[in-house]
N, C-alpha and C. Protein backbone atom coordinates (compact mmCIF):
# COMPACT_ATOMS: atom_id res chain seq x y z
N MET A 1 -65.00 -0.83 21.35
CA MET A 1 -63.28 -0.36 20.38
C MET A 1 -61.98 -0.81 21.40
N PRO A 2 -60.92 -1.20 20.54
CA PRO A 2 -59.91 -2.10 21.47
C PRO A 2 -59.29 -0.36 21.41
N SER A 3 -58.53 -0.85 23.44
CA SER A 3 -57.88 0.92 23.55
C SER A 3 -56.58 1.00 23.08
N GLN A 4 -56.08 2.18 22.81
CA GLN A 4 -55.09 2.45 22.15
C GLN A 4 -54.40 2.99 23.03
N LYS A 5 -52.87 2.56 22.50
CA LYS A 5 -51.62 2.50 23.67
C LYS A 5 -51.33 3.69 23.59
N ASN A 6 -50.50 4.23 25.30
CA ASN A 6 -50.14 5.64 25.01
C ASN A 6 -49.19 5.80 24.43
N LYS A 7 -48.99 6.74 23.77
CA LYS A 7 -47.61 7.02 22.84
C LYS A 7 -46.88 8.56 24.15
N GLN A 8 -45.39 7.98 23.85
CA GLN A 8 -45.09 9.38 24.09
C GLN A 8 -44.90 9.78 23.53
N PRO A 9 -45.10 11.01 24.01
CA PRO A 9 -44.76 12.74 22.91
C PRO A 9 -43.86 12.81 22.37
N ALA A 10 -43.38 13.02 21.65
CA ALA A 10 -41.78 13.73 20.79
C ALA A 10 -41.36 14.63 21.54
N ALA A 11 -39.71 14.42 21.69
CA ALA A 11 -38.61 15.38 22.38
C ALA A 11 -38.87 16.41 21.43
N ALA A 12 -39.29 17.55 22.48
CA ALA A 12 -39.39 18.85 21.88
C ALA A 12 -38.34 19.81 21.48
N LEU A 13 -37.27 19.08 22.77
CA LEU A 13 -35.75 19.91 22.27
C LEU A 13 -35.23 19.23 21.42
N THR A 14 -33.80 19.75 20.32
CA THR A 14 -33.87 19.00 19.22
C THR A 14 -32.61 20.14 19.17
N GLN A 15 -31.15 19.37 19.41
CA GLN A 15 -29.70 20.04 18.73
C GLN A 15 -28.96 19.17 18.30
N GLU A 16 -28.23 19.48 16.40
CA GLU A 16 -27.94 18.87 16.27
C GLU A 16 -26.26 19.22 16.07
N TRP A 17 -25.19 18.51 15.79
CA TRP A 17 -23.64 18.44 15.16
C TRP A 17 -23.02 17.48 14.42
N THR A 18 -22.88 18.14 12.86
CA THR A 18 -22.08 17.57 12.18
C THR A 18 -20.59 17.56 12.54
N LEU A 19 -20.66 15.71 12.69
CA LEU A 19 -18.79 15.80 13.08
C LEU A 19 -18.42 16.04 11.60
N PRO A 20 -16.76 16.65 11.68
CA PRO A 20 -16.08 17.09 10.24
C PRO A 20 -15.31 15.60 10.38
N ALA A 21 -15.17 15.57 9.08
CA ALA A 21 -15.02 14.79 8.24
C ALA A 21 -13.08 14.58 8.82
N ALA A 22 -12.85 15.33 9.26
CA ALA A 22 -11.21 15.46 9.77
C ALA A 22 -11.44 14.65 11.28
N ALA A 23 -12.19 15.11 11.84
CA ALA A 23 -12.56 13.82 13.60
C ALA A 23 -12.74 13.02 12.53
N THR A 24 -13.46 12.44 12.05
CA THR A 24 -14.00 11.03 12.01
C THR A 24 -13.54 10.14 10.78
N LEU A 25 -11.82 10.72 10.26
CA LEU A 25 -11.36 9.92 9.11
C LEU A 25 -12.02 8.84 8.67
N GLY A 26 -13.93 9.21 7.88
CA GLY A 26 -14.26 8.18 7.45
C GLY A 26 -14.88 7.14 8.05
N SER A 27 -14.11 7.51 9.40
CA SER A 27 -15.02 6.05 10.03
C SER A 27 -16.30 5.83 11.31
N SER A 28 -17.02 4.78 11.17
CA SER A 28 -18.69 5.00 12.10
C SER A 28 -17.60 4.23 13.16
N VAL A 29 -16.42 3.97 13.29
CA VAL A 29 -15.93 3.07 14.96
C VAL A 29 -15.50 4.85 15.44
N ARG A 30 -14.93 5.09 14.23
CA ARG A 30 -14.20 6.78 15.05
C ARG A 30 -15.36 7.81 15.91
N ALA A 31 -16.32 7.72 14.71
CA ALA A 31 -18.00 8.56 14.90
C ALA A 31 -18.26 8.20 16.88
N LYS A 32 -18.13 6.99 16.50
CA LYS A 32 -19.16 6.43 17.68
C LYS A 32 -18.43 6.81 18.83
N GLY A 33 -17.24 6.74 18.75
CA GLY A 33 -16.05 6.74 19.90
C GLY A 33 -15.72 8.39 20.04
N ILE A 34 -16.28 9.38 19.68
CA ILE A 34 -16.34 10.72 19.79
C ILE A 34 -17.46 10.77 20.59
N LEU A 35 -18.40 10.42 19.74
CA LEU A 35 -20.02 9.61 20.46
C LEU A 35 -19.08 9.71 22.54
N LEU A 36 -19.40 8.54 22.34
CA LEU A 36 -19.05 7.69 24.16
C LEU A 36 -17.70 8.98 24.70
N GLU A 37 -16.82 9.69 23.73
CA GLU A 37 -16.17 10.50 24.65
C GLU A 37 -17.22 11.98 25.10
N ILE A 38 -17.41 12.20 24.34
CA ILE A 38 -18.56 13.22 24.73
C ILE A 38 -19.61 13.04 26.46
N ARG A 39 -19.99 12.36 25.30
CA ARG A 39 -20.80 11.17 26.39
C ARG A 39 -20.51 11.33 28.04
N ALA A 40 -19.01 11.12 27.96
CA ALA A 40 -18.82 10.70 29.31
C ALA A 40 -18.19 12.13 30.30
N ARG A 41 -17.94 13.15 29.46
CA ARG A 41 -18.43 14.57 30.09
C ARG A 41 -19.41 14.93 30.77
N LEU A 42 -20.45 14.12 30.19
CA LEU A 42 -21.85 14.62 30.46
C LEU A 42 -21.95 14.11 31.93
N PRO A 43 -23.43 14.27 32.87
CA PRO A 43 -23.76 13.70 33.94
C PRO A 43 -24.67 12.98 33.03
N TRP A 44 -24.71 11.73 34.02
CA TRP A 44 -25.54 10.50 33.94
C TRP A 44 -26.31 10.30 33.77
N ALA A 45 -27.44 11.21 34.29
CA ALA A 45 -28.86 11.29 33.92
C ALA A 45 -29.50 11.95 32.50
N VAL A 46 -28.27 12.37 31.41
CA VAL A 46 -28.69 13.19 30.64
C VAL A 46 -27.40 12.34 29.42
N ARG A 47 -27.04 11.72 29.81
CA ARG A 47 -25.94 11.10 28.72
C ARG A 47 -26.75 10.31 27.60
N LYS A 48 -27.91 9.92 27.55
CA LYS A 48 -28.20 8.60 26.69
C LYS A 48 -29.23 9.70 26.03
N SER A 49 -29.42 10.93 25.90
CA SER A 49 -29.82 12.29 25.04
C SER A 49 -29.20 12.22 23.78
N LEU A 50 -27.80 12.19 24.31
CA LEU A 50 -27.15 12.78 23.38
C LEU A 50 -26.96 11.04 22.51
N ASP A 51 -27.07 11.20 21.36
CA ASP A 51 -27.04 9.74 20.18
C ASP A 51 -26.67 10.42 18.80
N LEU A 52 -26.23 8.67 18.32
CA LEU A 52 -25.14 9.58 16.77
C LEU A 52 -26.41 9.00 15.62
N ALA A 53 -26.38 10.12 14.57
CA ALA A 53 -27.30 9.59 13.51
C ALA A 53 -26.69 9.35 12.29
N GLY A 54 -26.01 8.54 11.52
CA GLY A 54 -25.02 8.73 10.56
C GLY A 54 -23.70 9.59 10.84
N GLY A 55 -23.45 10.74 10.87
CA GLY A 55 -22.36 11.57 11.20
C GLY A 55 -22.46 12.73 12.28
N VAL A 56 -23.66 12.22 12.66
CA VAL A 56 -24.67 13.45 13.26
C VAL A 56 -24.43 13.64 14.89
N LEU A 57 -24.15 14.88 15.52
CA LEU A 57 -24.88 13.42 16.39
C LEU A 57 -25.84 14.63 17.00
N VAL A 58 -26.86 14.25 17.81
CA VAL A 58 -27.94 14.78 18.09
C VAL A 58 -28.58 14.68 19.57
N LEU A 59 -28.88 15.50 20.11
CA LEU A 59 -28.74 16.03 21.50
C LEU A 59 -31.25 15.64 21.48
N ARG A 60 -31.52 15.17 22.43
CA ARG A 60 -32.72 15.24 21.87
C ARG A 60 -33.42 15.07 23.53
N MET A 61 -34.00 16.36 24.31
CA MET A 61 -34.24 15.90 26.26
C MET A 61 -36.03 16.61 25.18
N PRO A 62 -37.08 16.19 26.85
CA PRO A 62 -38.37 16.73 26.65
C PRO A 62 -37.64 18.36 26.46
N GLU A 63 -39.40 18.73 26.73
CA GLU A 63 -39.49 20.63 26.49
C GLU A 63 -39.08 21.25 28.04
N ASP A 64 -39.59 20.23 29.22
CA ASP A 64 -39.53 21.00 30.43
C ASP A 64 -38.33 21.19 30.43
N GLN A 65 -36.92 20.07 30.25
CA GLN A 65 -35.89 19.78 30.62
C GLN A 65 -34.91 20.72 29.75
N ASP A 66 -35.50 22.51 29.86
CA ASP A 66 -34.71 23.21 29.61
C ASP A 66 -33.74 23.89 29.86
N THR A 67 -33.67 23.76 31.13
CA THR A 67 -32.49 24.61 31.83
C THR A 67 -31.37 22.91 31.05
N ALA A 68 -31.60 21.78 31.75
CA ALA A 68 -30.83 21.51 30.94
C ALA A 68 -30.18 20.74 29.90
N PHE A 69 -30.93 20.69 28.37
CA PHE A 69 -30.94 20.84 27.47
C PHE A 69 -30.00 22.03 27.02
N ARG A 70 -29.90 23.03 27.77
CA ARG A 70 -29.08 24.45 27.18
C ARG A 70 -26.98 24.20 28.00
N GLU A 71 -27.97 23.78 29.16
CA GLU A 71 -25.89 22.92 29.23
C GLU A 71 -25.85 21.98 29.08
N THR A 72 -26.08 21.10 29.19
CA THR A 72 -25.68 20.09 27.80
C THR A 72 -25.34 20.29 26.55
N SER A 73 -26.55 21.17 25.87
CA SER A 73 -25.09 21.80 24.63
C SER A 73 -24.18 22.53 24.56
N VAL A 74 -24.07 23.17 25.98
CA VAL A 74 -22.73 23.71 26.14
C VAL A 74 -21.85 23.03 26.09
N VAL A 75 -21.76 22.14 26.69
CA VAL A 75 -21.00 20.93 27.51
C VAL A 75 -20.09 20.31 26.07
N VAL A 76 -21.71 19.85 25.19
CA VAL A 76 -21.46 19.72 24.05
C VAL A 76 -20.39 20.55 23.36
N MET A 77 -20.90 21.57 22.79
CA MET A 77 -20.19 22.52 21.81
C MET A 77 -18.46 22.62 22.67
N GLU A 78 -18.71 22.68 23.49
CA GLU A 78 -17.24 22.93 24.12
C GLU A 78 -16.43 21.17 23.90
N ALA A 79 -16.85 20.49 24.08
CA ALA A 79 -16.07 19.38 23.97
C ALA A 79 -15.73 19.01 22.27
N LEU A 80 -16.63 19.43 21.59
CA LEU A 80 -16.40 19.50 20.04
C LEU A 80 -15.25 20.42 19.39
N ASP A 81 -15.04 21.00 20.66
CA ASP A 81 -13.97 22.59 19.69
C ASP A 81 -12.31 21.35 20.04
N GLY A 82 -11.86 20.91 18.87
CA GLY A 82 -10.44 20.30 18.82
C GLY A 82 -10.96 19.35 19.06
N ILE A 83 -11.51 18.41 18.57
CA ILE A 83 -12.30 17.13 18.57
C ILE A 83 -11.36 16.72 17.55
N GLU A 84 -10.83 17.26 16.36
CA GLU A 84 -10.28 16.78 15.04
C GLU A 84 -8.43 16.28 15.83
N SER A 85 -7.99 16.52 17.16
CA SER A 85 -7.06 16.42 17.50
C SER A 85 -6.82 15.22 18.42
N LEU A 86 -8.82 14.38 19.16
CA LEU A 86 -8.60 13.75 19.57
C LEU A 86 -7.87 12.01 19.23
N PRO A 87 -6.76 11.66 20.53
CA PRO A 87 -6.01 10.65 20.01
C PRO A 87 -7.33 9.40 19.47
N VAL A 88 -6.67 8.94 18.96
CA VAL A 88 -7.20 7.44 18.06
C VAL A 88 -6.69 6.12 18.68
N ILE A 89 -7.39 5.64 19.12
CA ILE A 89 -7.57 4.42 20.18
C ILE A 89 -7.27 2.80 19.13
N PRO A 90 -6.77 2.13 19.26
CA PRO A 90 -6.70 0.80 18.70
C PRO A 90 -7.93 0.71 17.88
N ARG A 91 -9.14 -0.01 18.23
CA ARG A 91 -10.45 -0.68 17.57
C ARG A 91 -10.91 0.70 16.38
N GLU A 92 -10.06 2.09 16.52
CA GLU A 92 -10.78 3.02 15.61
C GLU A 92 -9.28 2.96 14.63
N ILE A 93 -8.33 2.76 14.74
CA ILE A 93 -7.02 2.89 13.54
C ILE A 93 -7.37 1.08 13.10
N GLU A 94 -7.56 0.42 13.68
CA GLU A 94 -7.43 -0.59 12.57
C GLU A 94 -9.48 -0.15 12.02
N ASP A 95 -10.26 0.27 12.00
CA ASP A 95 -11.04 0.77 10.85
C ASP A 95 -10.92 1.26 9.88
N ILE A 96 -10.22 2.56 10.81
CA ILE A 96 -9.64 3.56 9.59
C ILE A 96 -9.00 2.72 8.81
N LEU A 97 -7.58 2.16 8.91
CA LEU A 97 -7.17 2.00 7.67
C LEU A 97 -6.84 0.12 7.49
N SER A 98 -8.37 -0.07 8.33
CA SER A 98 -8.80 -1.56 7.55
C SER A 98 -7.69 -2.98 7.73
N ILE A 99 -7.05 -2.63 8.80
CA ILE A 99 -6.34 -3.67 9.95
C ILE A 99 -6.52 -4.57 10.17
N LYS A 100 -5.48 -5.85 10.72
CA LYS A 100 -6.13 -7.04 12.04
C LYS A 100 -5.35 -6.16 12.82
N THR A 101 -6.14 -6.53 14.05
CA THR A 101 -5.28 -6.97 15.32
C THR A 101 -3.62 -7.02 15.53
N SER A 102 -3.58 -8.65 14.66
CA SER A 102 -2.26 -8.74 14.72
C SER A 102 -1.70 -7.46 13.66
N GLU A 103 -1.82 -7.23 12.39
CA GLU A 103 -1.04 -6.28 11.89
C GLU A 103 -0.61 -4.87 13.14
N ARG A 104 -1.43 -4.03 13.60
CA ARG A 104 -0.67 -2.83 14.02
C ARG A 104 -0.62 -3.59 15.41
N HIS A 105 -0.47 -4.78 15.82
CA HIS A 105 0.77 -5.01 16.96
C HIS A 105 1.95 -4.82 16.47
N ARG A 106 1.86 -5.90 15.00
CA ARG A 106 3.28 -5.96 14.58
C ARG A 106 3.41 -4.73 13.95
N TRP A 107 3.11 -3.88 13.70
CA TRP A 107 3.53 -2.59 12.94
C TRP A 107 3.99 -1.43 13.78
N LEU A 108 3.43 -1.79 15.33
CA LEU A 108 3.03 -0.46 16.26
C LEU A 108 5.27 -1.30 16.93
N LYS A 109 4.88 -2.53 17.06
CA LYS A 109 6.01 -3.24 17.47
C LYS A 109 7.38 -2.58 16.62
N ASP A 110 7.77 -2.59 15.62
CA ASP A 110 8.77 -2.68 14.64
C ASP A 110 9.03 -1.13 14.03
N GLY A 111 7.85 -0.25 14.60
CA GLY A 111 8.40 1.23 14.79
C GLY A 111 7.28 2.11 12.83
N ARG A 112 7.00 0.72 12.29
CA ARG A 112 5.64 1.59 11.17
C ARG A 112 5.04 2.50 11.79
N LEU A 113 4.04 2.28 13.01
CA LEU A 113 3.07 3.15 13.80
C LEU A 113 3.62 3.26 14.24
N ALA A 114 3.51 4.85 14.27
CA ALA A 114 4.05 5.35 15.75
C ALA A 114 3.23 6.31 16.82
N SER A 115 3.43 5.71 18.59
CA SER A 115 2.40 5.36 19.47
C SER A 115 2.44 6.73 19.47
N ALA A 116 0.69 7.61 19.63
CA ALA A 116 1.34 9.08 20.54
C ALA A 116 1.20 8.91 21.82
N GLY A 117 1.68 7.95 22.81
CA GLY A 117 1.16 7.88 24.02
C GLY A 117 0.65 5.91 24.76
N THR A 118 0.13 6.60 25.66
CA THR A 118 -0.43 5.52 25.63
C THR A 118 -1.60 5.77 27.01
N ARG A 119 -2.71 5.18 27.62
CA ARG A 119 -4.11 5.34 28.00
C ARG A 119 -4.54 4.43 28.46
N THR A 120 -4.90 4.52 29.87
CA THR A 120 -5.36 4.03 30.80
C THR A 120 -6.71 4.21 31.53
N VAL A 121 -6.95 2.71 31.35
CA VAL A 121 -8.76 3.23 31.55
C VAL A 121 -9.73 1.68 32.55
N LYS A 122 -10.83 2.40 33.06
CA LYS A 122 -11.07 1.11 33.60
C LYS A 122 -12.41 0.64 33.18
N LEU A 123 -12.02 -1.26 32.91
CA LEU A 123 -12.82 -1.40 32.52
C LEU A 123 -14.84 -1.42 33.57
N ARG A 124 -15.79 -1.07 32.65
CA ARG A 124 -16.88 -0.96 33.22
C ARG A 124 -17.55 -2.13 34.12
N GLY A 125 -17.90 -2.27 35.54
CA GLY A 125 -17.69 -3.05 36.46
C GLY A 125 -17.20 -4.02 36.31
N ARG A 126 -15.52 -3.54 36.41
CA ARG A 126 -14.32 -4.20 36.92
C ARG A 126 -13.58 -3.59 37.82
N ALA A 127 -12.48 -4.59 38.52
CA ALA A 127 -11.07 -3.54 39.17
C ALA A 127 -10.23 -3.36 38.16
N ARG A 128 -10.07 -4.90 37.25
CA ARG A 128 -9.23 -3.68 36.07
C ARG A 128 -9.28 -3.07 35.44
N GLN A 129 -7.72 -2.53 35.18
CA GLN A 129 -7.54 -1.55 34.07
C GLN A 129 -7.09 -1.75 32.79
N ILE A 130 -7.18 -1.55 32.15
CA ILE A 130 -6.45 -1.59 31.02
C ILE A 130 -5.32 -0.80 30.12
N THR A 131 -4.08 -1.09 29.84
CA THR A 131 -3.57 0.18 29.29
C THR A 131 -2.67 0.03 27.62
N PHE A 132 -3.34 1.00 26.67
CA PHE A 132 -3.13 0.61 25.01
C PHE A 132 -2.70 1.96 24.98
N HIS A 133 -1.50 1.47 23.64
CA HIS A 133 -1.23 2.27 22.59
C HIS A 133 -2.50 3.34 21.92
N VAL A 134 -2.33 4.84 22.27
CA VAL A 134 -2.78 5.78 20.94
C VAL A 134 -2.35 6.31 19.77
N PHE A 135 -2.76 6.85 18.77
CA PHE A 135 -2.53 7.29 17.97
C PHE A 135 -2.53 9.02 17.37
N ASP A 136 -1.58 9.37 16.65
CA ASP A 136 -1.84 11.01 16.60
C ASP A 136 -2.99 10.84 15.46
N PRO A 137 -4.07 11.60 15.43
CA PRO A 137 -5.07 11.37 14.16
C PRO A 137 -4.26 12.05 12.76
N ARG A 138 -3.49 13.28 13.14
CA ARG A 138 -2.77 13.45 11.75
C ARG A 138 -2.00 12.38 10.67
N GLN A 139 -1.19 11.80 12.74
CA GLN A 139 -0.16 10.58 11.48
C GLN A 139 -1.13 9.62 10.34
N VAL A 140 -2.47 9.39 11.61
CA VAL A 140 -3.07 8.21 10.45
C VAL A 140 -4.10 8.48 9.39
N GLU A 141 -4.40 10.15 9.16
CA GLU A 141 -5.16 10.50 7.90
C GLU A 141 -4.16 10.62 7.02
N ASP A 142 -2.43 10.58 7.70
CA ASP A 142 -1.58 10.87 6.35
C ASP A 142 -1.24 9.02 5.93
N LEU A 143 -0.82 8.03 6.82
CA LEU A 143 -1.03 6.25 5.73
C LEU A 143 -1.97 6.57 6.14
N LEU A 144 -3.45 7.44 5.64
CA LEU A 144 -4.54 6.68 5.32
C LEU A 144 -3.88 7.27 3.56
N ASP A 145 -3.55 8.41 3.18
CA ASP A 145 -4.20 8.83 2.11
C ASP A 145 -2.93 8.78 1.07
N ARG A 146 -2.35 7.84 1.77
CA ARG A 146 -0.15 7.47 1.47
C ARG A 146 -0.51 6.42 0.83
N ASP A 147 -1.62 5.66 1.23
CA ASP A 147 -2.30 3.92 1.37
C ASP A 147 -0.84 2.13 1.24
N VAL A 148 -0.67 3.25 2.48
CA VAL A 148 0.49 2.80 2.72
C VAL A 148 0.97 1.23 3.06
N VAL A 149 -0.34 0.60 4.20
CA VAL A 149 -0.91 -0.76 4.46
C VAL A 149 -0.64 -1.27 3.31
N ALA A 150 -1.44 -1.71 2.28
CA ALA A 150 -0.86 -2.13 0.67
C ALA A 150 0.57 -2.17 0.87
N SER A 151 1.73 -1.20 1.11
CA SER A 151 3.51 -1.92 0.64
C SER A 151 3.85 -2.62 2.07
N TRP A 152 2.91 -1.80 2.82
CA TRP A 152 3.60 -2.94 4.51
C TRP A 152 3.37 -4.27 4.36
N ARG A 153 2.42 -4.85 3.89
CA ARG A 153 1.82 -6.37 3.50
C ARG A 153 2.37 -6.59 2.58
N GLU A 154 3.11 -6.04 1.65
CA GLU A 154 3.77 -6.50 0.98
C GLU A 154 5.86 -6.63 1.21
N ASP A 155 5.84 -6.01 2.17
CA ASP A 155 7.06 -6.06 2.59
C ASP A 155 7.05 -7.17 3.85
N ASP A 156 5.93 -7.33 4.53
CA ASP A 156 5.81 -8.16 5.43
C ASP A 156 6.11 -10.11 4.29
N ILE A 157 5.28 -10.21 3.71
CA ILE A 157 5.52 -11.46 2.60
C ILE A 157 6.54 -11.01 2.39
N GLU A 158 7.25 -10.63 1.51
CA GLU A 158 8.73 -11.05 1.54
C GLU A 158 9.76 -11.34 2.28
N ALA A 159 9.36 -10.03 3.97
CA ALA A 159 10.63 -10.62 4.23
C ALA A 159 10.08 -12.28 5.61
N ARG A 160 8.82 -13.05 5.54
CA ARG A 160 8.01 -14.13 5.71
C ARG A 160 9.31 -14.44 4.78
N ALA A 161 8.79 -14.51 3.40
CA ALA A 161 9.58 -15.69 2.57
C ALA A 161 10.85 -15.81 2.79
N GLU A 162 11.47 -14.35 3.10
CA GLU A 162 13.09 -14.23 3.49
C GLU A 162 13.50 -15.22 4.61
N LYS A 163 13.01 -15.60 5.52
CA LYS A 163 12.92 -16.11 6.91
C LYS A 163 12.63 -17.26 6.94
N ARG A 164 11.79 -17.83 5.20
CA ARG A 164 11.55 -18.82 5.07
C ARG A 164 13.25 -19.58 4.41
N ARG A 165 13.62 -18.50 3.48
CA ARG A 165 14.70 -19.19 3.04
C ARG A 165 15.70 -19.37 3.78
N LEU A 166 16.09 -18.18 4.38
CA LEU A 166 17.11 -18.17 5.75
C LEU A 166 16.94 -19.61 6.92
N ALA A 167 16.33 -19.65 7.18
CA ALA A 167 16.14 -20.96 8.15
C ALA A 167 16.62 -22.58 7.02
N THR A 168 15.80 -22.69 5.75
CA THR A 168 16.14 -23.69 4.95
C THR A 168 17.46 -23.80 4.80
N ALA A 169 18.23 -23.33 4.42
CA ALA A 169 19.79 -22.23 4.50
C ALA A 169 20.00 -22.64 5.62
N VAL A 170 20.28 -22.86 7.49
CA VAL A 170 20.54 -22.79 8.26
C VAL A 170 20.62 -24.56 8.56
N ARG A 171 19.19 -24.97 7.76
CA ARG A 171 18.55 -26.81 8.34
C ARG A 171 19.87 -27.47 7.13
N ARG A 172 19.97 -26.74 6.34
CA ARG A 172 21.37 -27.27 5.52
C ARG A 172 22.31 -27.74 6.16
N LEU A 173 23.22 -26.42 6.01
CA LEU A 173 24.44 -26.15 6.71
C LEU A 173 24.50 -26.77 8.16
N SER A 174 23.42 -27.34 8.79
CA SER A 174 23.74 -28.07 10.30
C SER A 174 23.53 -29.65 10.19
N ARG A 175 23.38 -30.04 8.73
CA ARG A 175 23.10 -30.83 8.37
C ARG A 175 24.61 -32.67 8.50
N PRO A 176 24.83 -33.12 9.64
CA PRO A 176 26.24 -33.62 9.50
C PRO A 176 25.95 -33.95 8.17
N VAL A 177 27.97 -33.79 7.67
CA VAL A 177 28.57 -34.31 6.58
C VAL A 177 29.65 -35.30 6.90
N ALA A 178 28.77 -36.60 5.53
CA ALA A 178 29.94 -38.13 5.63
C ALA A 178 31.34 -38.05 5.64
N THR A 179 32.55 -38.45 6.79
CA THR A 179 33.52 -37.88 6.36
C THR A 179 33.97 -39.52 5.44
N ALA A 180 34.47 -39.33 4.09
CA ALA A 180 35.42 -40.48 3.39
C ALA A 180 36.42 -41.27 4.44
N VAL A 181 36.86 -42.71 5.18
CA VAL A 181 37.50 -42.86 5.34
C VAL A 181 38.90 -43.12 4.97
N PRO A 182 40.02 -42.96 4.32
CA PRO A 182 41.13 -43.42 3.16
C PRO A 182 41.54 -44.77 4.04
N GLU A 183 41.64 -45.06 2.53
CA GLU A 183 42.22 -46.41 2.45
C GLU A 183 43.18 -46.96 2.83
N PRO A 184 44.46 -47.56 3.93
CA PRO A 184 45.24 -47.80 3.88
C PRO A 184 46.26 -48.64 2.57
N ASP A 185 47.72 -47.69 2.59
CA ASP A 185 48.79 -48.29 1.75
C ASP A 185 48.09 -49.73 1.52
N GLY A 186 48.53 -49.99 -0.06
CA GLY A 186 49.18 -51.84 0.32
C GLY A 186 47.81 -52.66 0.23
N PRO A 187 48.43 -53.47 -0.47
CA PRO A 187 47.48 -54.20 -0.99
C PRO A 187 46.96 -54.89 0.36
N GLN A 188 45.13 -55.12 0.27
CA GLN A 188 44.06 -55.55 1.25
C GLN A 188 43.43 -56.17 1.35
N GLU A 189 43.84 -57.53 2.62
CA GLU A 189 42.90 -58.79 2.07
C GLU A 189 41.86 -58.65 2.41
N PRO A 190 40.14 -59.12 1.15
CA PRO A 190 38.93 -58.69 1.38
C PRO A 190 38.46 -58.62 2.46
N ARG A 191 37.71 -58.12 2.61
CA ARG A 191 36.58 -57.79 3.96
C ARG A 191 35.30 -59.42 4.04
N PRO A 192 35.76 -60.17 5.16
CA PRO A 192 34.99 -61.07 4.63
C PRO A 192 33.37 -60.76 5.64
N GLN A 193 32.72 -61.54 5.06
CA GLN A 193 31.12 -60.69 4.92
C GLN A 193 30.13 -61.57 5.92
N LEU A 194 30.42 -61.08 7.14
CA LEU A 194 29.97 -62.36 8.36
C LEU A 194 27.96 -62.22 7.79
N ARG A 195 27.73 -63.49 8.05
CA ARG A 195 26.63 -63.89 8.49
C ARG A 195 26.20 -64.48 9.48
N GLY A 196 25.72 -64.21 10.25
CA GLY A 196 24.88 -64.59 11.29
C GLY A 196 25.98 -64.91 13.06
N TRP A 197 25.71 -65.89 14.00
CA TRP A 197 26.65 -65.83 14.91
C TRP A 197 27.68 -67.50 14.45
N ALA A 198 27.42 -68.57 13.46
CA ALA A 198 28.55 -69.02 13.09
C ALA A 198 29.55 -68.86 12.35
N GLU A 199 29.38 -67.95 11.89
CA GLU A 199 30.10 -67.19 11.14
C GLU A 199 31.27 -66.37 12.17
N PHE A 200 30.47 -65.76 12.85
CA PHE A 200 31.65 -65.78 13.77
C PHE A 200 32.57 -66.46 14.55
N GLU A 201 32.06 -67.62 14.61
CA GLU A 201 32.98 -68.60 15.12
C GLU A 201 33.68 -69.22 14.90
N ARG A 202 33.47 -69.02 13.32
CA ARG A 202 34.20 -69.72 12.46
C ARG A 202 35.17 -68.90 12.31
N LEU A 203 35.14 -67.59 12.35
CA LEU A 203 36.62 -66.70 12.55
C LEU A 203 37.09 -66.28 13.50
N GLY A 204 36.49 -66.88 15.00
CA GLY A 204 37.69 -66.91 15.83
C GLY A 204 36.91 -65.60 17.19
N LEU A 205 35.93 -65.01 16.39
CA LEU A 205 35.85 -63.49 16.99
C LEU A 205 34.74 -63.44 18.29
N LEU A 206 34.21 -64.69 18.04
CA LEU A 206 33.67 -64.65 19.90
C LEU A 206 35.11 -65.69 20.39
N ARG A 207 35.58 -65.75 20.79
CA ARG A 207 36.50 -66.54 21.52
C ARG A 207 36.93 -65.38 22.49
C-alpha cells in the first residue's frame, strides 16, 4: 500500500478584516500596498501569517500560537484605524486612474497632479534609497470621480498639435528670403554666356 504524504493541519486561528472601498479606491494594487504597509508593522516571524484574499485581510496562525495571534490582531486593527488616509504611492495612483508612468510624471510636473509630499524608502537588500512623491487619497478619489484623465489627455493632444504648428511656423520664418537685385538704369549690354575656359580666355578674363 503506497504511503500517504503527511499533511500539515490547517491553521486553527483565523481572523478577517474587509478593506473599506474608501481605502482601496477599487484598486488591487492599492489593496496589496495596504497589506505590505501593515505587514511592515509586524514582527518578522508573523508577517507572512497576514495575507490578502480579494479585498479581505486574513490572519491565520496555528492554534498553539494563541498569544502571538492575539497580539498580531491588535496591531492589525490599530493599523487599519484611519487607513483611508494612507498616502497613495506612484504605482497605486497609476492603477487607480489607469494612467501611464509618463503621464504621471508630466501631470505632476505641470501641477495637474498635486503632490502630498515625498517618501524615502530603502530598497530591500540594497544600500541605495529612493525618494518619490505620494498623493492624497481624497484628491485621487476626486480625480477618479470626475474622470479628469480623459480631458487631460485631450488637452495634451491639442498642446502637442499646437507645438507642432508653432515649430512649423518658426521653420518657415527662419528660411532665407531671396532678395531681388535692382537693375541699373540705362541700356545694358547683354551678359555673355560663358562656356568653358576657351570662352574665358577669349574675353580676356584669364589675363
